[in-house]
Amino acid sequence: MTPGSHRQPAIIRTERGLTISGTRITLYDVMDYVTAQYPSKFIASLFDLSEAQINAALSYIETHRAEVEAEYQQVLKEAEELRQYYEEQNRQLIARIATLPAKPGTEAAWEKLQAARAKRES
């Protein structure tokens, strides 16, 4: 057997999609930063990946760019659909919560929050 014959594949397909082997990090997570043109060392440190792992991910993305890009666009579309769904589901709840009076003893915290919000908006 050759020395590399027992190596696990660097990129595997899981129920979450294309994933860096030994992690829960998908290539779609990495793609967010690749498309924003972040340096590979930054991406690696952000996800606590080894140099070999980030290189394998970037190499896979480059080699299979069309496939990864198509799946990435699908992931982005589904994420946006979920965001819109939950925003709509929670709209009435958020509006109702906003009308509730502050809990006793939290007045100082609310005043501080309102002051910070007013400062940020001015």
N, C-alpha and C. Protein backbone atom coordinates (compact mmCIF):
# COMPACT_ATOMS: atom_id res chain seq x y z
N MET A 1 0.84 -1.18 0.00
CA MET A 1 0.00 0.00 0.00
C MET A 1 0.88 1.24 0.00
N THR A 2 0.36 2.28 -0.60
CA THR A 2 1.10 3.53 -0.63
C THR A 2 0.85 4.29 0.65
N PRO A 3 1.77 5.19 1.03
CA PRO A 3 1.63 5.91 2.30
C PRO A 3 0.33 6.69 2.42
N GLY A 4 -0.22 7.22 1.33
CA GLY A 4 -1.43 8.04 1.42
C GLY A 4 -2.71 7.26 1.21
N SER A 5 -2.64 5.95 1.08
CA SER A 5 -3.84 5.20 0.73
C SER A 5 -4.85 5.11 1.87
N HIS A 6 -4.43 5.34 3.12
CA HIS A 6 -5.36 5.27 4.25
C HIS A 6 -5.92 6.64 4.62
N ARG A 7 -5.55 7.66 3.88
CA ARG A 7 -6.05 9.00 4.20
C ARG A 7 -7.54 9.09 3.93
N GLN A 8 -8.22 9.79 4.80
CA GLN A 8 -9.64 10.05 4.62
C GLN A 8 -9.79 11.17 3.58
N PRO A 9 -10.91 11.17 2.87
CA PRO A 9 -11.13 12.30 1.95
C PRO A 9 -11.21 13.61 2.75
N ALA A 10 -10.67 14.66 2.19
CA ALA A 10 -10.65 15.95 2.89
C ALA A 10 -12.04 16.61 2.89
N ILE A 11 -12.81 16.38 1.84
CA ILE A 11 -14.15 16.95 1.71
C ILE A 11 -15.12 15.77 1.56
N ILE A 12 -16.13 15.75 2.41
CA ILE A 12 -17.11 14.67 2.36
C ILE A 12 -18.51 15.26 2.24
N ARG A 13 -19.41 14.44 1.74
CA ARG A 13 -20.81 14.87 1.66
C ARG A 13 -21.55 14.30 2.86
N THR A 14 -22.17 15.19 3.65
CA THR A 14 -22.96 14.78 4.79
C THR A 14 -24.38 15.28 4.59
N GLU A 15 -25.23 15.08 5.60
CA GLU A 15 -26.60 15.59 5.50
C GLU A 15 -26.62 17.12 5.43
N ARG A 16 -25.53 17.74 5.83
CA ARG A 16 -25.43 19.21 5.80
C ARG A 16 -24.89 19.71 4.46
N GLY A 17 -24.41 18.79 3.62
CA GLY A 17 -23.83 19.16 2.34
C GLY A 17 -22.34 18.86 2.32
N LEU A 18 -21.61 19.53 1.47
CA LEU A 18 -20.16 19.32 1.36
C LEU A 18 -19.49 19.87 2.61
N THR A 19 -18.79 19.00 3.32
CA THR A 19 -18.25 19.33 4.64
C THR A 19 -16.76 19.00 4.70
N ILE A 20 -16.02 19.81 5.43
CA ILE A 20 -14.60 19.54 5.66
C ILE A 20 -14.52 18.36 6.62
N SER A 21 -13.86 17.32 6.21
CA SER A 21 -13.77 16.08 6.99
C SER A 21 -13.28 16.36 8.40
N GLY A 22 -13.94 15.73 9.38
CA GLY A 22 -13.55 15.88 10.77
C GLY A 22 -14.10 17.13 11.43
N THR A 23 -14.93 17.88 10.71
CA THR A 23 -15.52 19.10 11.26
C THR A 23 -17.01 19.13 10.92
N ARG A 24 -17.69 20.14 11.42
CA ARG A 24 -19.08 20.39 11.04
C ARG A 24 -19.15 21.61 10.12
N ILE A 25 -18.02 22.01 9.58
CA ILE A 25 -17.93 23.21 8.75
C ILE A 25 -18.17 22.82 7.30
N THR A 26 -19.17 23.46 6.70
CA THR A 26 -19.47 23.17 5.30
C THR A 26 -18.66 24.08 4.39
N LEU A 27 -18.56 23.66 3.14
CA LEU A 27 -17.90 24.51 2.16
C LEU A 27 -18.70 25.79 1.93
N TYR A 28 -20.00 25.74 2.22
CA TYR A 28 -20.84 26.93 2.03
C TYR A 28 -20.49 27.98 3.09
N ASP A 29 -20.11 27.52 4.30
CA ASP A 29 -19.63 28.45 5.33
C ASP A 29 -18.37 29.15 4.82
N VAL A 30 -17.48 28.37 4.25
CA VAL A 30 -16.21 28.91 3.74
C VAL A 30 -16.48 29.82 2.54
N MET A 31 -17.46 29.45 1.70
CA MET A 31 -17.76 30.24 0.50
C MET A 31 -18.17 31.66 0.83
N ASP A 32 -18.84 31.86 1.96
CA ASP A 32 -19.22 33.23 2.35
C ASP A 32 -17.99 34.12 2.37
N TYR A 33 -16.88 33.60 2.87
CA TYR A 33 -15.65 34.37 3.01
C TYR A 33 -14.81 34.36 1.73
N VAL A 34 -14.89 33.28 0.97
CA VAL A 34 -14.18 33.22 -0.31
C VAL A 34 -14.76 34.25 -1.26
N THR A 35 -16.10 34.33 -1.33
CA THR A 35 -16.73 35.29 -2.24
C THR A 35 -16.48 36.73 -1.80
N ALA A 36 -16.26 36.94 -0.50
CA ALA A 36 -15.94 38.28 0.00
C ALA A 36 -14.44 38.55 -0.08
N GLN A 37 -13.68 37.60 -0.63
CA GLN A 37 -12.24 37.71 -0.88
C GLN A 37 -11.40 37.88 0.39
N TYR A 38 -11.78 37.18 1.45
CA TYR A 38 -10.97 37.17 2.66
C TYR A 38 -9.76 36.27 2.42
N PRO A 39 -8.64 36.56 3.05
CA PRO A 39 -7.45 35.71 2.90
C PRO A 39 -7.67 34.33 3.53
N SER A 40 -7.01 33.34 2.97
CA SER A 40 -7.20 31.97 3.45
C SER A 40 -6.78 31.81 4.91
N LYS A 41 -5.74 32.52 5.33
CA LYS A 41 -5.30 32.41 6.73
C LYS A 41 -6.38 32.95 7.67
N PHE A 42 -7.06 34.01 7.27
CA PHE A 42 -8.15 34.56 8.09
C PHE A 42 -9.29 33.54 8.20
N ILE A 43 -9.66 32.95 7.05
CA ILE A 43 -10.76 31.97 7.04
C ILE A 43 -10.39 30.78 7.92
N ALA A 44 -9.16 30.31 7.80
CA ALA A 44 -8.70 29.17 8.61
C ALA A 44 -8.78 29.49 10.09
N SER A 45 -8.33 30.68 10.47
CA SER A 45 -8.34 31.03 11.89
C SER A 45 -9.77 31.23 12.39
N LEU A 46 -10.63 31.75 11.55
CA LEU A 46 -12.02 31.98 11.92
C LEU A 46 -12.72 30.67 12.27
N PHE A 47 -12.43 29.62 11.52
CA PHE A 47 -13.08 28.32 11.72
C PHE A 47 -12.19 27.33 12.47
N ASP A 48 -11.04 27.79 12.92
CA ASP A 48 -10.08 26.94 13.63
C ASP A 48 -9.69 25.72 12.78
N LEU A 49 -9.34 25.99 11.52
CA LEU A 49 -8.94 24.94 10.59
C LEU A 49 -7.42 24.91 10.47
N SER A 50 -6.90 23.73 10.21
CA SER A 50 -5.47 23.61 9.95
C SER A 50 -5.19 24.12 8.54
N GLU A 51 -3.92 24.33 8.27
CA GLU A 51 -3.53 24.77 6.92
C GLU A 51 -3.94 23.73 5.89
N ALA A 52 -3.78 22.45 6.23
CA ALA A 52 -4.17 21.37 5.32
C ALA A 52 -5.67 21.38 5.06
N GLN A 53 -6.47 21.62 6.09
CA GLN A 53 -7.93 21.63 5.93
C GLN A 53 -8.39 22.79 5.05
N ILE A 54 -7.86 23.99 5.29
CA ILE A 54 -8.29 25.14 4.48
C ILE A 54 -7.80 24.99 3.05
N ASN A 55 -6.60 24.46 2.88
CA ASN A 55 -6.09 24.24 1.52
C ASN A 55 -6.94 23.22 0.78
N ALA A 56 -7.35 22.14 1.48
CA ALA A 56 -8.21 21.14 0.86
C ALA A 56 -9.55 21.74 0.46
N ALA A 57 -10.10 22.55 1.34
CA ALA A 57 -11.40 23.18 1.05
C ALA A 57 -11.29 24.12 -0.15
N LEU A 58 -10.27 24.97 -0.15
CA LEU A 58 -10.10 25.93 -1.25
C LEU A 58 -9.79 25.22 -2.56
N SER A 59 -9.00 24.16 -2.47
CA SER A 59 -8.68 23.37 -3.67
C SER A 59 -9.94 22.71 -4.23
N TYR A 60 -10.76 22.15 -3.36
CA TYR A 60 -12.00 21.51 -3.79
C TYR A 60 -12.92 22.55 -4.44
N ILE A 61 -13.03 23.70 -3.81
CA ILE A 61 -13.89 24.76 -4.36
C ILE A 61 -13.40 25.15 -5.75
N GLU A 62 -12.10 25.31 -5.90
CA GLU A 62 -11.53 25.71 -7.19
C GLU A 62 -11.75 24.63 -8.25
N THR A 63 -11.50 23.38 -7.88
CA THR A 63 -11.62 22.27 -8.82
C THR A 63 -13.06 22.01 -9.23
N HIS A 64 -13.99 22.18 -8.31
CA HIS A 64 -15.41 21.88 -8.57
C HIS A 64 -16.24 23.16 -8.47
N ARG A 65 -15.72 24.24 -8.99
CA ARG A 65 -16.32 25.57 -8.80
C ARG A 65 -17.80 25.63 -9.20
N ALA A 66 -18.15 25.10 -10.36
CA ALA A 66 -19.53 25.19 -10.84
C ALA A 66 -20.48 24.44 -9.90
N GLU A 67 -20.11 23.23 -9.50
CA GLU A 67 -20.95 22.42 -8.61
C GLU A 67 -21.10 23.09 -7.24
N VAL A 68 -19.99 23.54 -6.68
CA VAL A 68 -20.03 24.17 -5.35
C VAL A 68 -20.82 25.47 -5.41
N GLU A 69 -20.61 26.25 -6.45
CA GLU A 69 -21.32 27.53 -6.59
C GLU A 69 -22.82 27.31 -6.72
N ALA A 70 -23.23 26.30 -7.47
CA ALA A 70 -24.66 26.00 -7.62
C ALA A 70 -25.27 25.60 -6.28
N GLU A 71 -24.58 24.74 -5.54
CA GLU A 71 -25.09 24.33 -4.23
C GLU A 71 -25.09 25.50 -3.26
N TYR A 72 -24.07 26.35 -3.32
CA TYR A 72 -23.97 27.52 -2.45
C TYR A 72 -25.14 28.47 -2.71
N GLN A 73 -25.47 28.69 -3.97
CA GLN A 73 -26.60 29.56 -4.30
C GLN A 73 -27.91 28.97 -3.77
N GLN A 74 -28.05 27.66 -3.82
CA GLN A 74 -29.24 27.00 -3.29
C GLN A 74 -29.31 27.17 -1.78
N VAL A 75 -28.18 27.03 -1.10
CA VAL A 75 -28.12 27.21 0.35
C VAL A 75 -28.51 28.64 0.72
N LEU A 76 -27.99 29.63 -0.02
CA LEU A 76 -28.34 31.03 0.24
C LEU A 76 -29.83 31.28 0.03
N LYS A 77 -30.39 30.68 -1.02
CA LYS A 77 -31.82 30.85 -1.31
C LYS A 77 -32.67 30.26 -0.18
N GLU A 78 -32.31 29.05 0.26
CA GLU A 78 -33.07 28.41 1.34
C GLU A 78 -32.94 29.17 2.65
N ALA A 79 -31.76 29.71 2.92
CA ALA A 79 -31.56 30.50 4.15
C ALA A 79 -32.43 31.75 4.12
N GLU A 80 -32.51 32.40 2.98
CA GLU A 80 -33.34 33.60 2.86
C GLU A 80 -34.82 33.26 3.01
N GLU A 81 -35.24 32.14 2.41
CA GLU A 81 -36.63 31.72 2.55
C GLU A 81 -36.97 31.42 4.01
N LEU A 82 -36.06 30.77 4.73
CA LEU A 82 -36.28 30.50 6.16
C LEU A 82 -36.34 31.79 6.97
N ARG A 83 -35.45 32.73 6.66
CA ARG A 83 -35.45 34.00 7.38
C ARG A 83 -36.79 34.71 7.19
N GLN A 84 -37.26 34.75 5.95
CA GLN A 84 -38.54 35.41 5.68
C GLN A 84 -39.70 34.68 6.37
N TYR A 85 -39.68 33.36 6.35
CA TYR A 85 -40.73 32.57 6.99
C TYR A 85 -40.80 32.88 8.48
N TYR A 86 -39.65 32.82 9.16
CA TYR A 86 -39.66 33.04 10.61
C TYR A 86 -39.93 34.51 10.97
N GLU A 87 -39.51 35.41 10.10
CA GLU A 87 -39.84 36.81 10.35
C GLU A 87 -41.35 37.00 10.30
N GLU A 88 -42.00 36.39 9.33
CA GLU A 88 -43.45 36.49 9.22
C GLU A 88 -44.14 35.78 10.39
N GLN A 89 -43.65 34.60 10.75
CA GLN A 89 -44.25 33.85 11.86
C GLN A 89 -44.16 34.61 13.18
N ASN A 90 -43.10 35.35 13.36
CA ASN A 90 -42.87 36.03 14.63
C ASN A 90 -43.30 37.50 14.66
N ARG A 91 -43.79 38.01 13.54
CA ARG A 91 -44.16 39.43 13.46
C ARG A 91 -45.17 39.82 14.53
N GLN A 92 -46.24 39.04 14.69
CA GLN A 92 -47.27 39.37 15.68
C GLN A 92 -46.72 39.23 17.10
N LEU A 93 -45.94 38.20 17.35
CA LEU A 93 -45.35 38.00 18.67
C LEU A 93 -44.44 39.17 19.05
N ILE A 94 -43.60 39.58 18.12
CA ILE A 94 -42.68 40.70 18.39
C ILE A 94 -43.47 41.98 18.64
N ALA A 95 -44.52 42.21 17.87
CA ALA A 95 -45.33 43.41 18.07
C ALA A 95 -46.02 43.38 19.44
N ARG A 96 -46.49 42.20 19.85
CA ARG A 96 -47.16 42.08 21.15
C ARG A 96 -46.16 42.29 22.29
N ILE A 97 -44.99 41.72 22.18
CA ILE A 97 -43.96 41.88 23.21
C ILE A 97 -43.56 43.35 23.34
N ALA A 98 -43.50 44.05 22.22
CA ALA A 98 -43.11 45.46 22.25
C ALA A 98 -44.10 46.32 23.02
N THR A 99 -45.34 45.87 23.13
CA THR A 99 -46.34 46.67 23.85
C THR A 99 -46.38 46.37 25.35
N LEU A 100 -45.71 45.31 25.77
CA LEU A 100 -45.71 44.96 27.19
C LEU A 100 -44.93 45.98 28.01
N PRO A 101 -45.38 46.24 29.23
CA PRO A 101 -44.63 47.18 30.08
C PRO A 101 -43.32 46.53 30.55
N ALA A 102 -42.37 47.38 30.88
CA ALA A 102 -41.08 46.89 31.37
C ALA A 102 -41.27 46.19 32.71
N LYS A 103 -40.46 45.19 32.96
CA LYS A 103 -40.53 44.49 34.24
C LYS A 103 -40.03 45.41 35.34
N PRO A 104 -40.63 45.32 36.52
CA PRO A 104 -40.19 46.16 37.64
C PRO A 104 -38.70 45.93 37.94
N GLY A 105 -37.99 47.02 38.20
CA GLY A 105 -36.58 46.93 38.53
C GLY A 105 -35.66 47.02 37.33
N THR A 106 -36.22 47.14 36.11
CA THR A 106 -35.38 47.22 34.92
C THR A 106 -35.38 48.61 34.30
N GLU A 107 -35.95 49.57 35.01
CA GLU A 107 -36.08 50.92 34.47
C GLU A 107 -34.72 51.53 34.12
N ALA A 108 -33.74 51.37 35.00
CA ALA A 108 -32.41 51.95 34.76
C ALA A 108 -31.77 51.35 33.52
N ALA A 109 -31.92 50.05 33.35
CA ALA A 109 -31.36 49.39 32.18
C ALA A 109 -32.03 49.89 30.90
N TRP A 110 -33.37 50.07 30.95
CA TRP A 110 -34.09 50.57 29.79
C TRP A 110 -33.68 52.00 29.46
N GLU A 111 -33.50 52.82 30.48
CA GLU A 111 -33.07 54.20 30.24
C GLU A 111 -31.69 54.22 29.57
N LYS A 112 -30.79 53.39 30.05
CA LYS A 112 -29.45 53.30 29.48
C LYS A 112 -29.52 52.83 28.02
N LEU A 113 -30.36 51.84 27.75
CA LEU A 113 -30.55 51.34 26.40
C LEU A 113 -31.11 52.42 25.48
N GLN A 114 -32.12 53.14 25.95
CA GLN A 114 -32.73 54.21 25.15
C GLN A 114 -31.72 55.32 24.86
N ALA A 115 -30.89 55.67 25.86
CA ALA A 115 -29.86 56.70 25.67
C ALA A 115 -28.84 56.24 24.63
N ALA A 116 -28.42 55.00 24.70
CA ALA A 116 -27.45 54.48 23.73
C ALA A 116 -28.05 54.44 22.33
N ARG A 117 -29.31 54.04 22.24
CA ARG A 117 -30.00 53.99 20.94
C ARG A 117 -30.13 55.40 20.36
N ALA A 118 -30.50 56.39 21.19
CA ALA A 118 -30.64 57.77 20.72
C ALA A 118 -29.28 58.31 20.25
N LYS A 119 -28.23 58.00 20.99
CA LYS A 119 -26.89 58.46 20.62
C LYS A 119 -26.46 57.85 19.29
N ARG A 120 -26.76 56.56 19.09
CA ARG A 120 -26.39 55.88 17.86
C ARG A 120 -27.15 56.44 16.66
N GLU A 121 -28.43 56.82 16.85
CA GLU A 121 -29.25 57.30 15.78
C GLU A 121 -29.02 58.77 15.45
N SER A 122 -28.34 59.48 16.34
CA SER A 122 -28.13 60.92 16.06
C SER A 122 -26.86 61.17 15.29
